[in-house]
Protein backbone atom coordinates (compact mmCIF):
# COMPACT_ATOMS: atom_id res chain seq x y z
CA MET A 1 125.75 48.19 72.22
CA ALA A 2 122.57 49.69 73.71
CA VAL A 3 124.42 52.75 74.75
CA GLU A 4 125.88 53.27 71.33
CA ARG A 5 122.50 52.79 69.61
CA SER A 6 120.79 55.28 72.01
CA ALA A 7 123.59 57.77 71.35
CA THR A 8 123.11 57.43 67.61
CA VAL A 9 119.36 58.02 67.90
CA SER A 10 119.82 60.95 70.18
CA ALA A 11 122.28 62.54 67.73
CA SER A 12 119.73 62.08 64.89
CA SER A 13 117.01 63.73 66.93
CA ILE A 14 119.20 66.67 67.76
CA SER A 15 120.22 67.05 64.14
CA LYS A 16 116.58 67.30 62.97
CA LEU A 17 115.67 69.77 65.69
CA SER A 18 118.78 71.82 65.06
CA ARG A 19 117.85 72.12 61.40
CA PHE A 20 114.42 73.43 62.33
CA GLN A 21 115.76 75.83 64.92
CA LYS A 22 118.41 77.32 62.60
CA ILE A 23 115.75 77.98 59.90
CA VAL A 24 113.18 79.59 62.24
CA LEU A 25 115.44 81.57 64.53
CA GLY A 26 117.12 83.15 61.52
CA TRP A 27 113.89 84.61 60.19
CA ASP A 28 113.23 88.40 60.22
CA TYR A 29 110.05 89.11 62.22
CA LEU A 30 109.28 92.41 60.54
CA ARG A 31 109.94 90.97 57.13
CA LEU A 32 107.45 88.20 57.82
CA LEU A 33 104.83 90.81 58.67
CA ARG A 34 105.56 92.86 55.61
CA GLU A 35 105.42 89.86 53.24
CA SER A 36 102.33 88.22 54.74
CA GLY A 37 99.86 90.20 52.67
CA LYS A 38 101.83 90.47 49.50
CA LYS A 39 102.35 86.99 48.09
CA HIS A 40 99.78 84.63 46.88
CA VAL A 41 99.09 81.48 48.89
CA GLY A 42 101.14 78.58 47.55
CA GLU A 43 103.64 80.66 45.67
CA GLY A 44 106.96 78.88 45.45
CA LEU A 45 105.59 75.68 47.03
CA LYS A 46 105.56 72.31 45.29
CA HIS A 47 102.37 70.42 44.34
CA VAL A 48 101.39 67.72 46.78
CA LYS A 49 101.43 64.44 44.85
CA SER A 50 99.35 61.37 45.61
CA THR A 51 102.49 59.17 45.56
CA PHE A 52 106.10 59.78 46.13
CA ASP A 53 109.15 58.03 44.64
CA SER A 54 111.40 58.54 47.75
CA VAL A 55 111.57 59.81 51.28
CA GLU A 56 113.62 62.75 49.99
CA GLU A 57 110.91 63.80 47.56
CA TYR A 58 108.26 63.49 50.38
CA ILE A 59 110.26 65.74 52.71
CA GLY A 60 111.11 68.15 49.85
CA VAL A 61 107.38 68.75 49.34
CA PHE A 62 106.14 68.84 52.98
CA GLU A 63 108.97 70.68 54.72
CA PRO A 64 108.27 74.01 52.94
CA LEU A 65 104.61 73.61 53.65
CA ILE A 66 105.21 73.11 57.32
CA LEU A 67 107.46 76.17 57.45
CA GLU A 68 104.82 78.20 55.60
CA GLU A 69 102.28 77.14 58.09
CA LEU A 70 104.54 78.30 60.90
CA LYS A 71 104.99 81.71 59.23
CA ALA A 72 101.21 82.13 59.13
CA GLN A 73 101.06 81.16 62.82
CA ILE A 74 103.71 83.81 63.74
CA VAL A 75 101.95 86.49 61.81
CA GLN A 76 98.62 85.53 63.38
CA GLY A 77 100.29 85.78 66.82
CA LYS A 78 100.79 89.49 66.12
CA ASP A 79 97.18 90.10 66.81
CA GLU A 80 97.66 88.82 70.39
CA GLU A 81 100.54 91.15 71.30
CA GLU A 82 98.22 93.24 73.46
CA ALA A 83 97.60 90.28 75.68
CA THR A 84 101.27 89.32 76.13
CA ASP A 85 102.90 92.80 75.92
CA TRP A 86 106.63 93.58 76.08
CA GLN A 87 108.53 92.44 79.13
CA ARG A 88 111.85 93.68 80.49
CA GLY A 89 114.78 91.35 80.99
CA ALA A 90 118.58 91.42 81.64
CA VAL A 91 121.23 89.29 80.01
CA ALA A 92 122.84 87.25 82.77
CA THR A 93 125.04 84.89 80.69
CA CYS A 94 125.68 84.27 77.01
CA GLN A 95 127.27 80.93 75.94
CA GLU A 96 128.00 79.63 72.51
CA SER A 97 127.20 75.91 71.67
CA ASP A 98 127.09 74.26 68.27
CA GLU A 99 126.53 77.49 66.35
CA PHE A 100 123.76 78.45 68.70
CA HIS A 101 123.98 81.02 71.61
CA LYS A 102 122.19 80.36 74.88
CA LEU A 103 121.22 83.36 76.83
CA SER A 104 120.26 83.26 80.52
CA LEU A 105 117.81 86.10 81.18
CA ALA A 106 116.77 87.59 84.40
CA VAL A 107 113.04 88.28 84.20
CA LEU A 108 110.06 88.90 86.41
CA ASP A 109 108.71 85.69 87.99
CA ASP A 110 105.20 86.48 86.60
CA PHE A 111 106.59 86.40 83.03
CA ARG A 112 108.69 83.31 83.77
CA GLU A 113 105.50 81.50 84.79
CA ASP A 114 103.72 82.66 81.68
CA VAL A 115 106.08 81.02 79.22
CA SER A 116 106.81 77.39 78.53
CA GLU A 117 109.48 75.26 76.83
CA ASN A 118 109.48 75.72 73.08
CA ASP A 119 107.68 79.10 73.16
CA LEU A 120 108.92 81.43 70.44
CA LEU A 121 109.97 84.91 71.78
CA LEU A 122 111.11 88.07 70.08
CA LEU A 123 114.11 89.83 71.67
CA SER A 124 114.81 93.47 70.93
CA MET A 125 117.03 96.22 72.32
CA GLU A 126 114.03 98.46 72.40
CA LYS A 127 110.22 98.19 72.19
CA PHE A 128 108.80 98.86 68.73
CA GLN A 129 105.62 98.74 66.64
CA GLU A 130 105.12 97.48 63.14
CA GLY A 131 106.48 99.99 60.55
CA GLU A 132 109.16 101.30 62.86
CA ALA A 133 112.95 100.84 62.33
CA PRO A 134 114.11 99.27 65.64
CA LYS A 135 117.58 98.45 66.89
CA PRO A 136 118.83 94.89 66.71
CA TYR A 137 116.21 92.18 67.23
CA ALA A 138 115.96 88.45 66.87
CA PHE A 139 113.82 85.40 67.52
CA ALA A 140 114.60 83.19 70.55
CA LEU A 141 113.23 79.81 71.64
CA VAL A 142 112.58 79.03 75.31
CA ASP A 143 115.03 76.22 76.22
CA HIS A 144 113.92 75.85 79.81
CA ARG A 145 112.85 77.77 82.80
CA GLY A 146 115.57 77.95 85.38
CA GLY A 147 115.28 78.92 89.02
CA LYS A 148 113.58 81.93 90.42
CA GLU A 149 113.29 84.78 87.86
CA THR A 150 115.58 82.99 85.39
CA LEU A 151 114.82 82.03 81.78
CA THR A 152 117.20 80.29 79.34
CA VAL A 153 116.56 80.88 75.62
CA LEU A 154 118.19 79.57 72.49
CA THR A 155 119.20 81.99 69.72
CA TYR A 156 120.88 81.67 66.34
CA PHE A 157 122.94 84.74 65.24
CA CYS A 158 124.80 83.21 62.28
CA GLY A 159 122.24 84.46 59.74
CA GLY A 160 119.19 83.45 57.75
CA VAL A 161 118.92 80.14 55.89
CA LYS A 162 117.90 80.82 52.26
CA GLN A 163 118.23 77.41 50.66
CA LEU A 164 116.83 74.35 52.54
CA ASP A 165 118.91 71.87 50.57
CA SER A 166 122.26 73.41 51.44
CA MET A 167 121.30 74.93 54.87
CA LYS A 168 123.88 77.64 54.29
CA ALA A 169 123.20 80.68 56.45
CA ASP A 170 123.66 84.16 54.92
CA SER A 171 125.15 86.61 57.44
CA SER A 172 122.82 89.31 58.79
CA PRO A 173 123.95 92.64 60.19
CA ARG A 174 120.76 92.67 62.31
CA LEU A 175 121.64 89.40 64.06
CA LEU A 176 125.31 90.26 64.37
CA LYS A 177 124.37 93.49 66.11
CA MET A 178 122.09 91.57 68.41
CA LEU A 179 124.92 89.28 69.35
CA LEU A 180 127.35 92.16 70.01
CA SER A 181 124.68 93.92 72.10
CA SER A 182 123.99 90.81 74.32
CA LYS A 183 126.75 91.46 76.90
CA PRO A 184 126.25 89.60 80.21
CA GLY A 185 125.71 91.96 83.13
CA GLU A 186 125.45 94.97 80.92
CA SER A 187 122.60 94.43 78.46
CA PHE A 188 118.87 94.81 78.89
CA VAL A 189 116.43 93.42 76.36
CA TRP A 190 112.71 93.67 75.66
CA ILE A 191 110.94 90.35 75.27
CA LEU A 192 107.70 89.62 73.41
CA LYS A 193 105.99 86.22 73.47
CA ILE A 194 104.86 85.26 69.96
CA CYS A 195 103.46 81.61 70.07
CA SER A 196 104.21 78.08 71.05
CA LEU A 197 106.20 75.83 68.63
CA SER A 198 105.68 72.53 70.54
CA THR A 199 103.05 71.11 68.18
CA ILE A 200 104.72 72.15 64.94
CA MET A 201 108.08 70.92 66.17
CA ARG A 202 106.58 67.47 66.72
CA GLU A 203 104.98 67.60 63.26
CA TYR A 204 108.36 68.61 61.66
CA THR A 205 110.29 65.91 63.41
CA ALA A 206 107.66 63.28 62.69
CA MET A 207 107.90 64.15 59.05
CA HIS A 208 111.66 63.60 59.08
CA SER A 209 111.15 60.27 60.86
CA ILE A 210 109.23 58.72 57.99
CA ALA A 211 112.31 56.95 56.78
CA HIS A 212 112.36 54.81 59.96
CA LEU A 213 108.61 53.86 59.99
CA PRO A 214 108.03 50.12 59.35
CA PHE A 215 105.27 50.89 56.76
CA LYS A 216 106.91 53.95 55.16
CA ASP A 217 106.45 52.38 51.60
CA LEU A 218 102.66 52.41 52.24
CA ILE A 219 102.66 56.08 53.05
CA LEU A 220 104.89 57.01 50.04
CA SER A 221 103.02 54.82 47.55
CA ALA A 222 99.47 55.21 49.02
CA SER A 223 99.08 51.51 48.38
CA HIS A 224 98.61 48.65 50.81
CA LYS A 225 99.19 45.80 48.31
CA SER A 226 102.66 44.83 49.53
CA TYR A 227 101.28 44.60 53.05
CA CYS A 228 98.44 42.21 52.23
CA SER A 229 100.42 38.95 52.14
CA VAL A 230 97.38 36.85 52.96
CA SER A 231 94.02 36.66 51.43
CA GLU A 232 91.40 39.29 52.25
CA GLY A 233 89.11 38.50 55.14
CA GLN A 234 88.54 39.25 58.79
CA ALA A 235 91.59 38.97 60.93
CA TRP A 236 89.46 38.70 64.06
CA ASN A 237 86.67 36.41 65.09
CA VAL A 238 83.81 38.37 66.69
CA PRO A 239 81.89 36.30 69.33
CA LYS A 240 78.32 35.61 68.23
CA PRO A 241 76.53 37.38 71.14
CA LEU A 242 78.54 40.53 70.48
CA MET A 243 77.95 40.29 66.72
CA ASP A 244 74.18 39.77 67.28
CA HIS A 245 74.16 42.94 69.29
CA LEU A 246 75.96 44.88 66.62
CA GLU A 247 73.66 43.64 63.91
CA ASP A 248 70.62 44.68 65.98
CA CYS A 249 71.97 48.18 66.82
CA LEU A 250 73.96 49.27 63.70
CA ASN A 251 72.88 49.82 60.11
CA SER A 252 74.50 48.06 57.18
CA SER A 253 76.99 50.94 56.50
CA GLN A 254 78.16 50.96 60.09
CA LEU A 255 78.59 47.15 60.05
CA ASP A 256 80.58 47.43 56.81
CA ALA A 257 82.78 49.93 58.54
CA ILE A 258 83.49 47.73 61.50
CA ASN A 259 84.09 44.71 59.20
CA ALA A 260 86.58 46.84 57.24
CA GLY A 261 88.32 47.74 60.49
CA LEU A 262 88.82 44.03 61.18
CA LEU A 263 90.60 43.36 57.86
CA ARG A 264 94.29 42.71 57.64
CA LYS A 265 95.29 46.15 56.65
CA PRO A 266 97.63 48.63 58.25
CA PHE A 267 95.27 51.62 57.66
CA VAL A 268 91.49 51.83 57.26
CA LEU A 269 89.69 55.07 56.46
CA ILE A 270 85.97 55.20 57.36
CA GLN A 271 84.28 58.15 55.72
CA GLY A 272 80.88 59.63 56.26
CA PRO A 273 79.09 63.00 56.39
CA PRO A 274 77.97 64.50 59.70
CA GLY A 275 75.08 62.65 61.43
CA THR A 276 75.87 59.21 59.94
CA GLY A 277 76.85 57.65 63.19
CA LYS A 278 80.65 57.64 62.98
CA THR A 279 81.01 58.06 66.77
CA HIS A 280 78.54 55.18 67.34
CA THR A 281 80.65 53.13 64.97
CA ILE A 282 83.72 53.82 67.07
CA ILE A 283 82.00 52.47 70.13
CA GLY A 284 81.24 49.28 68.17
CA LEU A 285 84.75 49.09 67.01
CA LEU A 286 86.07 49.40 70.55
CA SER A 287 83.84 46.50 71.67
CA THR A 288 84.98 44.27 68.82
CA ILE A 289 88.67 45.16 69.18
CA LEU A 290 88.73 44.46 72.91
CA HIS A 291 86.70 41.25 72.85
CA SER A 292 87.47 39.49 69.59
CA SER A 293 90.16 36.86 69.04
CA PRO A 294 92.52 36.23 66.01
CA THR A 295 90.95 33.86 63.51
CA SER A 296 92.65 31.17 61.57
CA ILE A 297 93.43 31.67 57.90
CA HIS A 298 93.83 29.20 55.08
CA SER A 299 97.03 29.02 53.05
CA ASN A 300 98.58 26.57 50.69
CA GLY A 301 100.09 24.69 53.55
CA GLY A 302 96.81 24.53 55.48
CA THR A 303 95.48 26.52 58.43
CA SER A 304 97.74 28.93 60.27
CA ARG A 305 97.60 31.78 62.63
CA ILE A 306 98.04 35.35 61.56
CA LYS A 307 101.59 36.52 62.15
CA PRO A 308 102.65 40.09 63.01
CA ARG A 309 103.94 42.14 60.15
CA PRO A 310 106.60 42.97 59.51
CA VAL A 311 108.56 40.33 61.35
CA MET A 312 111.35 42.02 63.29
CA SER A 313 113.48 41.02 66.22
CA ILE A 314 112.97 42.80 69.52
CA GLU A 315 116.23 44.79 68.92
CA GLU A 316 115.02 45.88 65.50
CA ARG A 317 111.73 46.95 66.99
CA HIS A 318 113.49 49.00 69.64
CA THR A 319 115.54 50.68 67.00
CA HIS A 320 112.51 51.55 64.89
CA TRP A 321 110.58 52.81 67.93
CA ARG A 322 113.36 55.08 68.99
CA LYS A 323 113.99 56.49 65.51
CA ALA A 324 110.35 57.05 64.82
CA SER A 325 109.86 58.78 68.16
CA SER A 326 112.91 61.02 68.08
CA TRP A 327 111.04 64.16 69.11
CA LEU A 328 110.52 62.65 72.58
CA THR A 329 113.01 62.65 75.36
CA GLY A 330 113.83 60.20 78.07
CA LEU A 331 113.23 57.12 75.90
CA SER A 332 113.66 53.75 77.46
CA PRO A 333 113.55 50.27 75.86
CA ARG A 334 110.68 47.89 76.62
CA ASP A 335 111.62 45.77 79.58
CA LEU A 336 108.42 43.76 79.66
CA ILE A 337 107.26 41.25 77.01
CA ARG A 338 103.58 40.72 76.56
CA PRO A 339 102.53 37.09 77.10
CA ILE A 340 101.50 35.24 73.94
CA ASP A 341 99.20 32.75 75.66
CA GLY A 342 97.01 34.86 77.79
CA ASP A 343 97.27 37.02 80.88
CA ASP A 344 97.26 35.92 84.44
CA GLY A 345 93.53 35.97 84.80
CA PHE A 346 93.11 39.50 86.08
CA TYR A 347 92.74 42.77 84.26
CA PRO A 348 91.86 46.07 85.91
CA VAL A 349 88.75 47.73 84.53
CA GLY A 350 86.41 50.28 85.83
CA ASN A 351 87.62 53.64 87.13
CA GLU A 352 87.35 52.52 90.72
CA LEU A 353 90.69 50.70 90.25
CA LYS A 354 89.06 47.29 91.02
CA PRO A 355 90.15 44.21 89.04
CA GLU A 356 87.81 42.36 86.77
CA ILE A 357 88.11 38.58 86.75
CA VAL A 358 88.82 37.54 83.23
CA LYS A 359 87.89 34.14 81.87
CA SER A 360 90.76 31.81 80.98
CA ASP A 361 89.69 31.82 77.35
CA ARG A 362 90.25 35.55 76.96
CA LYS A 363 93.80 35.54 75.80
CA TYR A 364 94.19 38.56 73.52
CA ARG A 365 93.86 41.79 75.39
CA ARG A 366 94.45 44.84 73.17
CA HIS A 367 95.78 48.22 74.29
CA VAL A 368 93.93 50.94 72.34
CA LEU A 369 94.73 54.57 71.75
CA VAL A 370 91.82 56.84 70.67
CA CYS A 371 92.76 60.27 69.29
CA ALA A 372 91.08 63.35 67.93
CA PRO A 373 92.40 66.68 66.70
CA SER A 374 90.56 68.77 69.32
CA ASN A 375 89.61 68.49 72.98
CA SER A 376 85.92 68.83 72.33
CA ALA A 377 85.91 66.05 69.68
CA LEU A 378 87.86 63.83 72.07
CA ASP A 379 85.58 64.49 75.08
CA GLU A 380 82.55 63.59 73.01
CA ILE A 381 83.88 60.06 72.45
CA VAL A 382 84.87 59.69 76.12
CA LEU A 383 81.40 60.75 77.22
CA ARG A 384 79.81 58.16 74.89
CA VAL A 385 81.90 55.41 76.34
CA LEU A 386 81.08 56.45 79.90
CA HIS A 387 77.34 56.66 79.12
CA ARG A 388 76.90 53.59 76.91
CA GLY A 389 79.74 51.41 78.10
CA ILE A 390 81.46 48.67 76.18
CA HIS A 391 79.91 45.29 75.25
CA ASP A 392 81.99 42.25 76.02
CA GLU A 393 81.97 38.81 74.24
CA ASN A 394 78.79 37.81 76.06
CA ASN A 395 77.09 41.11 75.27
CA HIS A 396 77.34 42.30 78.88
CA VAL A 397 77.76 46.05 79.24
CA TYR A 398 80.57 47.33 81.38
CA THR A 399 82.80 50.36 81.72
CA PRO A 400 86.44 49.54 80.94
CA LYS A 401 89.23 51.21 82.69
CA ILE A 402 89.97 54.35 80.58
CA VAL A 403 91.98 57.52 80.97
CA ARG A 404 91.65 60.89 79.22
CA VAL A 405 95.13 62.36 78.80
CA GLY A 406 95.76 65.98 77.98
CA LEU A 407 94.66 69.51 78.83
CA LYS A 408 91.30 71.13 79.41
CA PRO A 409 89.08 68.08 79.85
CA HIS A 410 85.31 68.91 79.95
CA HIS A 411 83.78 68.82 83.38
CA SER A 412 81.58 65.88 82.25
CA VAL A 413 84.64 63.60 81.76
CA GLN A 414 86.66 64.98 84.68
CA ALA A 415 86.38 61.74 86.58
CA VAL A 416 88.57 59.86 84.03
CA SER A 417 91.06 62.64 83.38
CA MET A 418 94.69 61.93 84.11
CA ASP A 419 95.02 64.76 86.69
CA TYR A 420 92.06 63.54 88.60
CA LEU A 421 93.04 59.92 88.69
CA VAL A 422 96.54 60.83 89.83
CA GLU A 423 95.08 62.96 92.74
CA GLN A 424 92.71 60.09 93.62
CA LYS A 425 95.64 57.63 93.73
CA LEU A 426 97.68 59.98 95.83
CA ALA A 427 94.78 60.41 98.23
CA SER A 428 94.31 56.68 98.58
CA MET A 429 98.01 56.23 99.27
CA ASP A 430 97.95 58.92 101.98
CA ARG A 431 94.91 57.21 103.68
CA SER A 432 96.62 53.86 103.62
CA ALA A 433 100.07 55.07 104.74
CA SER A 434 101.20 54.24 108.26
CA PRO A 435 101.97 57.07 110.67
CA GLY A 436 105.62 56.79 109.84
CA GLY A 437 105.07 55.88 106.21
CA LYS A 438 105.83 57.83 103.10
CA SER A 439 103.24 60.39 102.11
CA GLY A 440 101.79 60.49 98.57
CA GLU A 441 103.00 64.05 98.39
CA TYR A 442 106.57 62.75 97.82
CA VAL A 443 105.67 60.03 95.36
CA ASN A 444 106.83 60.39 91.82
CA ARG A 445 103.78 61.48 89.92
CA ASP A 446 105.22 60.40 86.65
CA LYS A 447 105.29 56.77 87.82
CA ILE A 448 101.62 57.04 88.79
CA ARG A 449 100.83 58.41 85.34
CA ASP A 450 102.76 55.56 83.69
CA THR A 451 100.83 53.01 85.77
CA ILE A 452 97.50 54.55 84.77
CA ILE A 453 98.31 54.44 81.09
CA ASP A 454 99.63 50.85 81.24
CA GLU A 455 96.59 49.59 83.09
CA SER A 456 93.96 51.33 81.04
CA ALA A 457 92.23 49.34 78.31
CA ILE A 458 91.64 52.52 76.31
CA VAL A 459 93.69 55.71 76.41
CA PHE A 460 92.17 58.95 75.01
CA SER A 461 94.39 61.78 73.80
CA THR A 462 94.42 64.61 71.31
CA LEU A 463 96.76 64.02 68.45
CA SER A 464 99.12 66.79 69.57
CA PHE A 465 99.33 65.50 73.13
CA SER A 466 99.98 61.92 71.98
CA GLY A 467 103.44 63.21 70.94
CA SER A 468 104.28 64.20 74.50
CA ALA A 469 106.77 62.45 76.74
CA ILE A 470 104.11 60.87 78.93
CA PHE A 471 103.69 58.16 76.35
CA SER A 472 107.37 57.36 75.95
CA ARG A 473 107.60 55.67 79.33
CA SER A 474 104.67 53.31 78.87
CA ARG A 475 105.55 49.63 79.24
CA ARG A 476 102.73 48.50 76.88
CA ILE A 477 102.54 49.21 73.23
CA PHE A 478 99.23 50.23 71.55
CA ASP A 479 97.89 47.53 69.31
CA VAL A 480 95.23 49.71 67.56
CA VAL A 481 94.93 53.46 67.12
CA ILE A 482 91.57 55.08 66.21
CA ILE A 483 91.65 58.67 65.02
CA ASP A 484 88.41 60.59 64.96
CA GLU A 485 87.94 63.39 62.40
CA ALA A 486 91.20 62.23 60.84
CA ALA A 487 90.64 64.02 57.52
CA GLN A 488 90.49 67.31 59.41
CA ALA A 489 93.76 66.84 61.30
CA THR A 490 97.53 66.55 60.94
CA CYS A 491 98.85 63.49 62.74
CA GLU A 492 101.97 65.27 64.04
CA GLY A 493 101.77 63.86 67.60
CA LEU A 494 101.20 60.14 66.92
CA ASP A 495 104.06 58.24 68.45
CA GLN A 496 104.92 55.23 66.24
CA LYS A 497 106.81 53.59 69.05
CA GLU A 498 103.55 53.18 70.90
CA VAL A 499 101.79 51.37 67.97
CA ASN A 500 102.07 47.64 67.47
CA GLN A 501 102.61 46.15 63.99
CA THR A 502 98.89 45.58 63.60
CA ASP A 503 95.95 47.45 62.15
CA VAL A 504 95.73 51.25 62.55
CA LEU A 505 92.17 52.30 62.30
CA VAL A 506 91.47 55.83 61.02
CA GLU A 507 88.08 57.49 61.17
CA GLY A 508 87.15 60.76 59.56
CA GLU A 509 84.76 62.80 57.52
CA ALA A 510 84.70 62.78 53.75
């Protein structure tokens, strides 16, 4: 049964990506350049409504917008052609698969190292400049980098897709000539790197995954009424020492924001202009989230505990997680169940990898994901946590175990970056290894990364990187997600599988 379900989800993921690839790879590069300055912005696009009647209507509005955004990205990449320049390649093999053609190209190793999976390339039988009439040319998508001086790309020579609803491809003489010219062992092509499609592919597939989100109706209707099955009020009891500290250090607006974040709502938006202390509020939220306990609520039948929502079996949750995260690869079901009556008394905190002894009454440890749209915005929050620390239930300040995942961390937060922590772990393993033992050099780095994420109380990531495969292997779900500058970002990377059925906290500017 599990194998059949995984196969179904995998097929769904492939179908969505195939649709995207057929649309994009059939575009005419020179036509995009010609039309970029002629049409008005928004021409032919549907108005974005506040609410939607169905998933189909939602996708019908946003799919053309995403594709329009990609066209602008491709045109913008033209200005960077001088930095990439044309590269020479030879067609080694050409194989047809599901209407696509995979070309194996022999290229210089320097160029092979310069491209990555999901990079958009332009293939042409000759170099050309804008305004010229070249020989056959076509877009190609980097499928993977093979061995030495080998690059495999995906192409679509069937034609251009004109109507998104029918997905019928109109034949193109340009693409047909390109196919006929791609003879293995005989053809040479010129290659131009245009841009990376990784982020926008995650955004596109996430959009199509909305039908499988547990709170899809909330997104479509922009209303949380159906999700508030209990009376309004705090879902978490903040310890008095911690609450006293917050009341002393925060103003009334910041306290209101934290209280709103503790309500029983799937989403909370905290708005405020620059300089009003939103980042300081995030630090307060982190303290309350990590060190508060669920409160009792009153119902007609008396006092009861807050129950997760919606109520689903573990198999149903696995299904939703897989479907909502279909842009990821290498998915695996959760094989560990979080205890409901507390942990074993130990929880690793501090970036020195030493355990903190946890009191027996601390039974509700949360796993928090903090995101921001840019590296600089993310590093600002990480730096605040490192400098100010987190306050526990007794108002004691400590530095929880955190990790900053992603590219280009600022040097001030390098000590908690994933790459640094992995190297530190490998170094400690090498030092502790016996003379005949296994060196850390041969240890699976992915397993070390998985362990670091699972053990961290707070994980920091850009929105885009949160959609990467590194999160799919985590054995712990995220109970809360905080997004800084949310109103300035597209949440294309956020992996619903990693989010528990609890509050999702969103922070952004008005």
